[in-house]
Amino acid sequence: MLPYSEIVSLLKHSLTLLTYQIGEVFLQLSIDAANSKLEEDKKKAETTITNLEQECETHKAVLSDLKVQLYAKFGNNINLEAEEE
């Protein structure tokens, strides 16, 4: 059995570190470092989401323009609308 002082030391150590997962890797970080890393990762994710939303809007505009061109060329002989299941 561990002495009381070692148990207290282990508890203090485990309470001051957090396990932070990056992909398949787990890191032991202090609470402040984990909060900083979390904020950094959150900002990166928000930037990625914003960029993807802008890209999606660009693709929607191109798709809409192509639909107009194809309907102008083929009229009602084609159906470009998505089918619902």
PDB file of N, CA and C in Angstrom:
ATOM      1  N   MET A   1       0.836  -1.182   0.000  1.00  0.00           N
ATOM      2  CA  MET A   1       0.000   0.000   0.000  1.00  0.00           C
ATOM      3  C   MET A   1       0.882   1.247   0.000  1.00  0.00           C
ATOM      4  N   LEU A   2       0.442   2.255  -0.762  1.00  0.00           N
ATOM      5  CA  LEU A   2       1.214   3.486  -0.866  1.00  0.00           C
ATOM      6  C   LEU A   2       1.055   4.335   0.399  1.00  0.00           C
ATOM      7  N   PRO A   3       2.127   5.026   0.756  1.00  0.00           N
ATOM      8  CA  PRO A   3       2.019   5.945   1.890  1.00  0.00           C
ATOM      9  C   PRO A   3       1.045   7.085   1.558  1.00  0.00           C
ATOM     10  N   TYR A   4       0.458   7.647   2.572  1.00  0.00           N
ATOM     11  CA  TYR A   4      -0.536   8.711   2.414  1.00  0.00           C
ATOM     12  C   TYR A   4       0.022   9.878   1.614  1.00  0.00           C
ATOM     13  N   SER A   5       1.253  10.254   1.851  1.00  0.00           N
ATOM     14  CA  SER A   5       1.848  11.396   1.148  1.00  0.00           C
ATOM     15  C   SER A   5       1.943  11.131  -0.357  1.00  0.00           C
ATOM     16  N   GLU A   6       2.245   9.897  -0.746  1.00  0.00           N
ATOM     17  CA  GLU A   6       2.311   9.569  -2.168  1.00  0.00           C
ATOM     18  C   GLU A   6       0.918   9.576  -2.795  1.00  0.00           C
ATOM     19  N   ILE A   7      -0.070   9.113  -2.061  1.00  0.00           N
ATOM     20  CA  ILE A   7      -1.450   9.123  -2.564  1.00  0.00           C
ATOM     21  C   ILE A   7      -1.904  10.560  -2.791  1.00  0.00           C
ATOM     22  N   VAL A   8      -1.643  11.434  -1.825  1.00  0.00           N
ATOM     23  CA  VAL A   8      -2.013  12.842  -1.958  1.00  0.00           C
ATOM     24  C   VAL A   8      -1.278  13.462  -3.145  1.00  0.00           C
ATOM     25  N   SER A   9       0.001  13.153  -3.290  1.00  0.00           N
ATOM     26  CA  SER A   9       0.788  13.680  -4.406  1.00  0.00           C
ATOM     27  C   SER A   9       0.220  13.208  -5.745  1.00  0.00           C
ATOM     28  N   LEU A  10      -0.138  11.937  -5.843  1.00  0.00           N
ATOM     29  CA  LEU A  10      -0.732  11.408  -7.071  1.00  0.00           C
ATOM     30  C   LEU A  10      -2.076  12.053  -7.368  1.00  0.00           C
ATOM     31  N   LEU A  11      -2.879  12.267  -6.335  1.00  0.00           N
ATOM     32  CA  LEU A  11      -4.175  12.914  -6.529  1.00  0.00           C
ATOM     33  C   LEU A  11      -4.009  14.352  -7.006  1.00  0.00           C
ATOM     34  N   LYS A  12      -3.069  15.082  -6.399  1.00  0.00           N
ATOM     35  CA  LYS A  12      -2.825  16.452  -6.822  1.00  0.00           C
ATOM     36  C   LYS A  12      -2.372  16.488  -8.269  1.00  0.00           C
ATOM     37  N   HIS A  13      -1.488  15.570  -8.620  1.00  0.00           N
ATOM     38  CA  HIS A  13      -0.981  15.505  -9.990  1.00  0.00           C
ATOM     39  C   HIS A  13      -2.103  15.172 -10.966  1.00  0.00           C
ATOM     40  N   SER A  14      -2.962  14.232 -10.613  1.00  0.00           N
ATOM     41  CA  SER A  14      -4.029  13.825 -11.527  1.00  0.00           C
ATOM     42  C   SER A  14      -5.120  14.895 -11.629  1.00  0.00           C
ATOM     43  N   LEU A  15      -5.265  15.715 -10.583  1.00  0.00           N
ATOM     44  CA  LEU A  15      -6.276  16.768 -10.620  1.00  0.00           C
ATOM     45  C   LEU A  15      -5.793  18.002 -11.378  1.00  0.00           C
ATOM     46  N   THR A  16      -4.483  18.159 -11.550  1.00  0.00           N
ATOM     47  CA  THR A  16      -3.971  19.327 -12.248  1.00  0.00           C
ATOM     48  C   THR A  16      -3.748  19.060 -13.734  1.00  0.00           C
ATOM     49  N   LEU A  17      -3.831  17.819 -14.159  1.00  0.00           N
ATOM     50  CA  LEU A  17      -3.641  17.483 -15.562  1.00  0.00           C
ATOM     51  C   LEU A  17      -4.928  16.937 -16.162  1.00  0.00           C
ATOM     52  N   LEU A  18      -5.154  17.289 -17.404  1.00  0.00           N
ATOM     53  CA  LEU A  18      -6.301  16.779 -18.142  1.00  0.00           C
ATOM     54  C   LEU A  18      -5.792  15.956 -19.309  1.00  0.00           C
ATOM     55  N   THR A  19      -6.560  14.973 -19.694  1.00  0.00           N
ATOM     56  CA  THR A  19      -6.219  14.184 -20.866  1.00  0.00           C
ATOM     57  C   THR A  19      -6.886  14.832 -22.067  1.00  0.00           C
ATOM     58  N   TYR A  20      -6.074  15.199 -23.057  1.00  0.00           N
ATOM     59  CA  TYR A  20      -6.561  15.887 -24.257  1.00  0.00           C
ATOM     60  C   TYR A  20      -6.246  14.996 -25.446  1.00  0.00           C
ATOM     61  N   GLN A  21      -7.266  14.713 -26.239  1.00  0.00           N
ATOM     62  CA  GLN A  21      -7.090  13.813 -27.368  1.00  0.00           C
ATOM     63  C   GLN A  21      -6.936  14.601 -28.661  1.00  0.00           C
ATOM     64  N   ILE A  22      -5.901  14.269 -29.418  1.00  0.00           N
ATOM     65  CA  ILE A  22      -5.675  14.823 -30.748  1.00  0.00           C
ATOM     66  C   ILE A  22      -5.560  13.625 -31.681  1.00  0.00           C
ATOM     67  N   GLY A  23      -6.602  13.387 -32.461  1.00  0.00           N
ATOM     68  CA  GLY A  23      -6.611  12.202 -33.330  1.00  0.00           C
ATOM     69  C   GLY A  23      -6.640  10.959 -32.478  1.00  0.00           C
ATOM     70  N   GLU A  24      -5.609  10.149 -32.612  1.00  0.00           N
ATOM     71  CA  GLU A  24      -5.526   8.910 -31.836  1.00  0.00           C
ATOM     72  C   GLU A  24      -4.563   9.036 -30.657  1.00  0.00           C
ATOM     73  N   VAL A  25      -4.028  10.237 -30.444  1.00  0.00           N
ATOM     74  CA  VAL A  25      -3.021  10.465 -29.411  1.00  0.00           C
ATOM     75  C   VAL A  25      -3.659  11.184 -28.225  1.00  0.00           C
ATOM     76  N   PHE A  26      -3.307  10.741 -27.026  1.00  0.00           N
ATOM     77  CA  PHE A  26      -3.777  11.385 -25.795  1.00  0.00           C
ATOM     78  C   PHE A  26      -2.611  12.119 -25.148  1.00  0.00           C
ATOM     79  N   LEU A  27      -2.831  13.378 -24.781  1.00  0.00           N
ATOM     80  CA  LEU A  27      -1.808  14.185 -24.130  1.00  0.00           C
ATOM     81  C   LEU A  27      -2.264  14.544 -22.721  1.00  0.00           C
ATOM     82  N   GLN A  28      -1.320  14.619 -21.822  1.00  0.00           N
ATOM     83  CA  GLN A  28      -1.596  15.101 -20.471  1.00  0.00           C
ATOM     84  C   GLN A  28      -1.221  16.583 -20.445  1.00  0.00           C
ATOM     85  N   LEU A  29      -2.208  17.450 -20.315  1.00  0.00           N
ATOM     86  CA  LEU A  29      -1.976  18.892 -20.313  1.00  0.00           C
ATOM     87  C   LEU A  29      -2.503  19.510 -19.027  1.00  0.00           C
ATOM     88  N   SER A  30      -1.883  20.609 -18.646  1.00  0.00           N
ATOM     89  CA  SER A  30      -2.414  21.348 -17.498  1.00  0.00           C
ATOM     90  C   SER A  30      -3.760  21.929 -17.905  1.00  0.00           C
ATOM     91  N   ILE A  31      -4.524  22.337 -16.931  1.00  0.00           N
ATOM     92  CA  ILE A  31      -5.855  22.883 -17.208  1.00  0.00           C
ATOM     93  C   ILE A  31      -5.747  24.116 -18.097  1.00  0.00           C
ATOM     94  N   ASP A  32      -4.787  25.009 -17.800  1.00  0.00           N
ATOM     95  CA  ASP A  32      -4.604  26.215 -18.612  1.00  0.00           C
ATOM     96  C   ASP A  32      -4.188  25.871 -20.033  1.00  0.00           C
ATOM     97  N   ALA A  33      -3.253  24.941 -20.181  1.00  0.00           N
ATOM     98  CA  ALA A  33      -2.790  24.538 -21.517  1.00  0.00           C
ATOM     99  C   ALA A  33      -3.920  23.870 -22.291  1.00  0.00           C
ATOM    100  N   ALA A  34      -4.720  23.047 -21.607  1.00  0.00           N
ATOM    101  CA  ALA A  34      -5.848  22.378 -22.265  1.00  0.00           C
ATOM    102  C   ALA A  34      -6.883  23.400 -22.717  1.00  0.00           C
ATOM    103  N   ASN A  35      -7.155  24.404 -21.882  1.00  0.00           N
ATOM    104  CA  ASN A  35      -8.101  25.458 -22.269  1.00  0.00           C
ATOM    105  C   ASN A  35      -7.588  26.243 -23.470  1.00  0.00           C
ATOM    106  N   SER A  36      -6.304  26.563 -23.474  1.00  0.00           N
ATOM    107  CA  SER A  36      -5.706  27.284 -24.604  1.00  0.00           C
ATOM    108  C   SER A  36      -5.795  26.459 -25.880  1.00  0.00           C
ATOM    109  N   LYS A  37      -5.442  25.189 -25.772  1.00  0.00           N
ATOM    110  CA  LYS A  37      -5.492  24.290 -26.931  1.00  0.00           C
ATOM    111  C   LYS A  37      -6.926  24.141 -27.421  1.00  0.00           C
ATOM    112  N   LEU A  38      -7.855  24.048 -26.504  1.00  0.00           N
ATOM    113  CA  LEU A  38      -9.265  23.917 -26.872  1.00  0.00           C
ATOM    114  C   LEU A  38      -9.754  25.161 -27.614  1.00  0.00           C
ATOM    115  N   GLU A  39      -9.399  26.340 -27.128  1.00  0.00           N
ATOM    116  CA  GLU A  39      -9.787  27.584 -27.800  1.00  0.00           C
ATOM    117  C   GLU A  39      -9.158  27.676 -29.185  1.00  0.00           C
ATOM    118  N   GLU A  40      -7.897  27.281 -29.287  1.00  0.00           N
ATOM    119  CA  GLU A  40      -7.198  27.295 -30.576  1.00  0.00           C
ATOM    120  C   GLU A  40      -7.873  26.343 -31.568  1.00  0.00           C
ATOM    121  N   ASP A  41      -8.171  25.134 -31.106  1.00  0.00           N
ATOM    122  CA  ASP A  41      -8.829  24.149 -31.967  1.00  0.00           C
ATOM    123  C   ASP A  41     -10.243  24.597 -32.352  1.00  0.00           C
ATOM    124  N   LYS A  42     -10.910  25.260 -31.432  1.00  0.00           N
ATOM    125  CA  LYS A  42     -12.258  25.765 -31.701  1.00  0.00           C
ATOM    126  C   LYS A  42     -12.220  26.838 -32.789  1.00  0.00           C
ATOM    127  N   LYS A  43     -11.242  27.749 -32.722  1.00  0.00           N
ATOM    128  CA  LYS A  43     -11.101  28.793 -33.740  1.00  0.00           C
ATOM    129  C   LYS A  43     -10.792  28.184 -35.100  1.00  0.00           C
ATOM    130  N   LYS A  44      -9.923  27.156 -35.124  1.00  0.00           N
ATOM    131  CA  LYS A  44      -9.597  26.490 -36.383  1.00  0.00           C
ATOM    132  C   LYS A  44     -10.840  25.830 -36.978  1.00  0.00           C
ATOM    133  N   ALA A  45     -11.631  25.189 -36.125  1.00  0.00           N
ATOM    134  CA  ALA A  45     -12.846  24.523 -36.593  1.00  0.00           C
ATOM    135  C   ALA A  45     -13.849  25.543 -37.133  1.00  0.00           C
ATOM    136  N   GLU A  46     -14.000  26.657 -36.452  1.00  0.00           N
ATOM    137  CA  GLU A  46     -14.920  27.705 -36.912  1.00  0.00           C
ATOM    138  C   GLU A  46     -14.469  28.276 -38.249  1.00  0.00           C
ATOM    139  N   THR A  47     -13.162  28.475 -38.419  1.00  0.00           N
ATOM    140  CA  THR A  47     -12.620  28.963 -39.691  1.00  0.00           C
ATOM    141  C   THR A  47     -12.889  27.958 -40.805  1.00  0.00           C
ATOM    142  N   THR A  48     -12.665  26.689 -40.512  1.00  0.00           N
ATOM    143  CA  THR A  48     -12.917  25.633 -41.503  1.00  0.00           C
ATOM    144  C   THR A  48     -14.386  25.598 -41.892  1.00  0.00           C
ATOM    145  N   ILE A  49     -15.265  25.710 -40.912  1.00  0.00           N
ATOM    146  CA  ILE A  49     -16.711  25.699 -41.181  1.00  0.00           C
ATOM    147  C   ILE A  49     -17.095  26.896 -42.046  1.00  0.00           C
ATOM    148  N   THR A  50     -16.577  28.064 -41.721  1.00  0.00           N
ATOM    149  CA  THR A  50     -16.872  29.267 -42.508  1.00  0.00           C
ATOM    150  C   THR A  50     -16.404  29.106 -43.949  1.00  0.00           C
ATOM    151  N   ASN A  51     -15.196  28.580 -44.123  1.00  0.00           N
ATOM    152  CA  ASN A  51     -14.669  28.367 -45.470  1.00  0.00           C
ATOM    153  C   ASN A  51     -15.507  27.361 -46.244  1.00  0.00           C
ATOM    154  N   LEU A  52     -15.924  26.291 -45.600  1.00  0.00           N
ATOM    155  CA  LEU A  52     -16.748  25.285 -46.263  1.00  0.00           C
ATOM    156  C   LEU A  52     -18.122  25.837 -46.631  1.00  0.00           C
ATOM    157  N   GLU A  53     -18.692  26.666 -45.755  1.00  0.00           N
ATOM    158  CA  GLU A  53     -19.985  27.284 -46.064  1.00  0.00           C
ATOM    159  C   GLU A  53     -19.875  28.210 -47.270  1.00  0.00           C
ATOM    160  N   GLN A  54     -18.786  28.977 -47.346  1.00  0.00           N
ATOM    161  CA  GLN A  54     -18.570  29.863 -48.493  1.00  0.00           C
ATOM    162  C   GLN A  54     -18.389  29.045 -49.773  1.00  0.00           C
ATOM    163  N   GLU A  55     -17.640  27.966 -49.680  1.00  0.00           N
ATOM    164  CA  GLU A  55     -17.430  27.085 -50.835  1.00  0.00           C
ATOM    165  C   GLU A  55     -18.750  26.471 -51.285  1.00  0.00           C
ATOM    166  N   CYS A  56     -19.575  26.093 -50.340  1.00  0.00           N
ATOM    167  CA  CYS A  56     -20.886  25.514 -50.644  1.00  0.00           C
ATOM    168  C   CYS A  56     -21.751  26.535 -51.375  1.00  0.00           C
ATOM    169  N   GLU A  57     -21.755  27.770 -50.920  1.00  0.00           N
ATOM    170  CA  GLU A  57     -22.532  28.820 -51.575  1.00  0.00           C
ATOM    171  C   GLU A  57     -22.040  29.050 -53.008  1.00  0.00           C
ATOM    172  N   THR A  58     -20.726  29.000 -53.190  1.00  0.00           N
ATOM    173  CA  THR A  58     -20.158  29.147 -54.528  1.00  0.00           C
ATOM    174  C   THR A  58     -20.642  28.021 -55.437  1.00  0.00           C
ATOM    175  N   HIS A  59     -20.614  26.788 -54.928  1.00  0.00           N
ATOM    176  CA  HIS A  59     -21.068  25.638 -55.718  1.00  0.00           C
ATOM    177  C   HIS A  59     -22.564  25.732 -56.034  1.00  0.00           C
ATOM    178  N   LYS A  60     -23.344  26.209 -55.074  1.00  0.00           N
ATOM    179  CA  LYS A  60     -24.784  26.371 -55.313  1.00  0.00           C
ATOM    180  C   LYS A  60     -25.043  27.399 -56.414  1.00  0.00           C
ATOM    181  N   ALA A  61     -24.270  28.477 -56.411  1.00  0.00           N
ATOM    182  CA  ALA A  61     -24.431  29.508 -57.442  1.00  0.00           C
ATOM    183  C   ALA A  61     -24.067  28.954 -58.814  1.00  0.00           C
ATOM    184  N   VAL A  62     -22.981  28.193 -58.900  1.00  0.00           N
ATOM    185  CA  VAL A  62     -22.576  27.583 -60.169  1.00  0.00           C
ATOM    186  C   VAL A  62     -23.642  26.603 -60.634  1.00  0.00           C
ATOM    187  N   LEU A  63     -24.147  25.786 -59.721  1.00  0.00           N
ATOM    188  CA  LEU A  63     -25.190  24.815 -60.061  1.00  0.00           C
ATOM    189  C   LEU A  63     -26.447  25.515 -60.577  1.00  0.00           C
ATOM    190  N   SER A  64     -26.833  26.573 -59.923  1.00  0.00           N
ATOM    191  CA  SER A  64     -28.009  27.327 -60.343  1.00  0.00           C
ATOM    192  C   SER A  64     -27.809  27.907 -61.742  1.00  0.00           C
ATOM    193  N   ASP A  65     -26.626  28.452 -61.995  1.00  0.00           N
ATOM    194  CA  ASP A  65     -26.320  29.007 -63.313  1.00  0.00           C
ATOM    195  C   ASP A  65     -26.352  27.913 -64.387  1.00  0.00           C
ATOM    196  N   LEU A  66     -25.789  26.749 -64.078  1.00  0.00           N
ATOM    197  CA  LEU A  66     -25.801  25.637 -65.032  1.00  0.00           C
ATOM    198  C   LEU A  66     -27.219  25.152 -65.313  1.00  0.00           C
ATOM    199  N   LYS A  67     -28.054  25.116 -64.279  1.00  0.00           N
ATOM    200  CA  LYS A  67     -29.448  24.712 -64.480  1.00  0.00           C
ATOM    201  C   LYS A  67     -30.153  25.671 -65.439  1.00  0.00           C
ATOM    202  N   VAL A  68     -29.926  26.968 -65.250  1.00  0.00           N
ATOM    203  CA  VAL A  68     -30.548  27.968 -66.117  1.00  0.00           C
ATOM    204  C   VAL A  68     -30.104  27.748 -67.564  1.00  0.00           C
ATOM    205  N   GLN A  69     -28.798  27.524 -67.744  1.00  0.00           N
ATOM    206  CA  GLN A  69     -28.276  27.311 -69.096  1.00  0.00           C
ATOM    207  C   GLN A  69     -28.844  26.042 -69.727  1.00  0.00           C
ATOM    208  N   LEU A  70     -28.919  24.962 -68.955  1.00  0.00           N
ATOM    209  CA  LEU A  70     -29.419  23.692 -69.501  1.00  0.00           C
ATOM    210  C   LEU A  70     -30.920  23.755 -69.791  1.00  0.00           C
ATOM    211  N   TYR A  71     -31.686  24.386 -68.900  1.00  0.00           N
ATOM    212  CA  TYR A  71     -33.120  24.522 -69.167  1.00  0.00           C
ATOM    213  C   TYR A  71     -33.361  25.432 -70.375  1.00  0.00           C
ATOM    214  N   ALA A  72     -32.492  26.442 -70.560  1.00  0.00           N
ATOM    215  CA  ALA A  72     -32.623  27.312 -71.728  1.00  0.00           C
ATOM    216  C   ALA A  72     -32.346  26.532 -73.007  1.00  0.00           C
ATOM    217  N   LYS A  73     -31.423  25.600 -72.930  1.00  0.00           N
ATOM    218  CA  LYS A  73     -31.055  24.826 -74.119  1.00  0.00           C
ATOM    219  C   LYS A  73     -32.037  23.693 -74.403  1.00  0.00           C
ATOM    220  N   PHE A  74     -32.457  22.954 -73.350  1.00  0.00           N
ATOM    221  CA  PHE A  74     -33.277  21.768 -73.538  1.00  0.00           C
ATOM    222  C   PHE A  74     -34.738  21.941 -73.125  1.00  0.00           C
ATOM    223  N   GLY A  75     -35.068  23.046 -72.493  1.00  0.00           N
ATOM    224  CA  GLY A  75     -36.446  23.277 -72.074  1.00  0.00           C
ATOM    225  C   GLY A  75     -36.895  22.257 -71.036  1.00  0.00           C
ATOM    226  N   ASN A  76     -38.142  21.813 -71.165  1.00  0.00           N
ATOM    227  CA  ASN A  76     -38.694  20.853 -70.200  1.00  0.00           C
ATOM    228  C   ASN A  76     -38.363  19.412 -70.550  1.00  0.00           C
ATOM    229  N   ASN A  77     -37.492  19.184 -71.515  1.00  0.00           N
ATOM    230  CA  ASN A  77     -37.117  17.830 -71.902  1.00  0.00           C
ATOM    231  C   ASN A  77     -36.167  17.184 -70.905  1.00  0.00           C
ATOM    232  N   ILE A  78     -35.657  17.940 -69.973  1.00  0.00           N
ATOM    233  CA  ILE A  78     -34.776  17.386 -68.933  1.00  0.00           C
ATOM    234  C   ILE A  78     -35.317  17.751 -67.562  1.00  0.00           C
ATOM    235  N   ASN A  79     -34.951  16.946 -66.582  1.00  0.00           N
ATOM    236  CA  ASN A  79     -35.335  17.212 -65.205  1.00  0.00           C
ATOM    237  C   ASN A  79     -34.065  17.262 -64.364  1.00  0.00           C
ATOM    238  N   LEU A  80     -33.730  18.404 -63.857  1.00  0.00           N
ATOM    239  CA  LEU A  80     -32.499  18.578 -63.077  1.00  0.00           C
ATOM    240  C   LEU A  80     -32.757  18.681 -61.582  1.00  0.00           C
ATOM    241  N   GLU A  81     -33.975  18.521 -61.192  1.00  0.00           N
ATOM    242  CA  GLU A  81     -34.302  18.615 -59.763  1.00  0.00           C
ATOM    243  C   GLU A  81     -33.998  17.301 -59.073  1.00  0.00           C
ATOM    244  N   ALA A  82     -33.558  17.374 -57.830  1.00  0.00           N
ATOM    245  CA  ALA A  82     -33.234  16.183 -57.044  1.00  0.00           C
ATOM    246  C   ALA A  82     -34.515  15.394 -56.760  1.00  0.00           C
ATOM    247  N   GLU A  83     -34.403  14.081 -56.840  1.00  0.00           N
ATOM    248  CA  GLU A  83     -35.550  13.229 -56.547  1.00  0.00           C
ATOM    249  C   GLU A  83     -35.634  12.970 -55.057  1.00  0.00           C
ATOM    250  N   GLU A  84     -36.827  13.035 -54.510  1.00  0.00           N
ATOM    251  CA  GLU A  84     -37.014  12.747 -53.080  1.00  0.00           C
ATOM    252  C   GLU A  84     -37.346  11.288 -52.937  1.00  0.00           C
ATOM    253  N   GLU A  85     -36.760  10.681 -51.910  1.00  0.00           N
ATOM    254  CA  GLU A  85     -37.005   9.241 -51.678  1.00  0.00           C
ATOM    255  C   GLU A  85     -38.050   9.043 -50.631  1.00  0.00           C
TER     256      GLU A  85
END
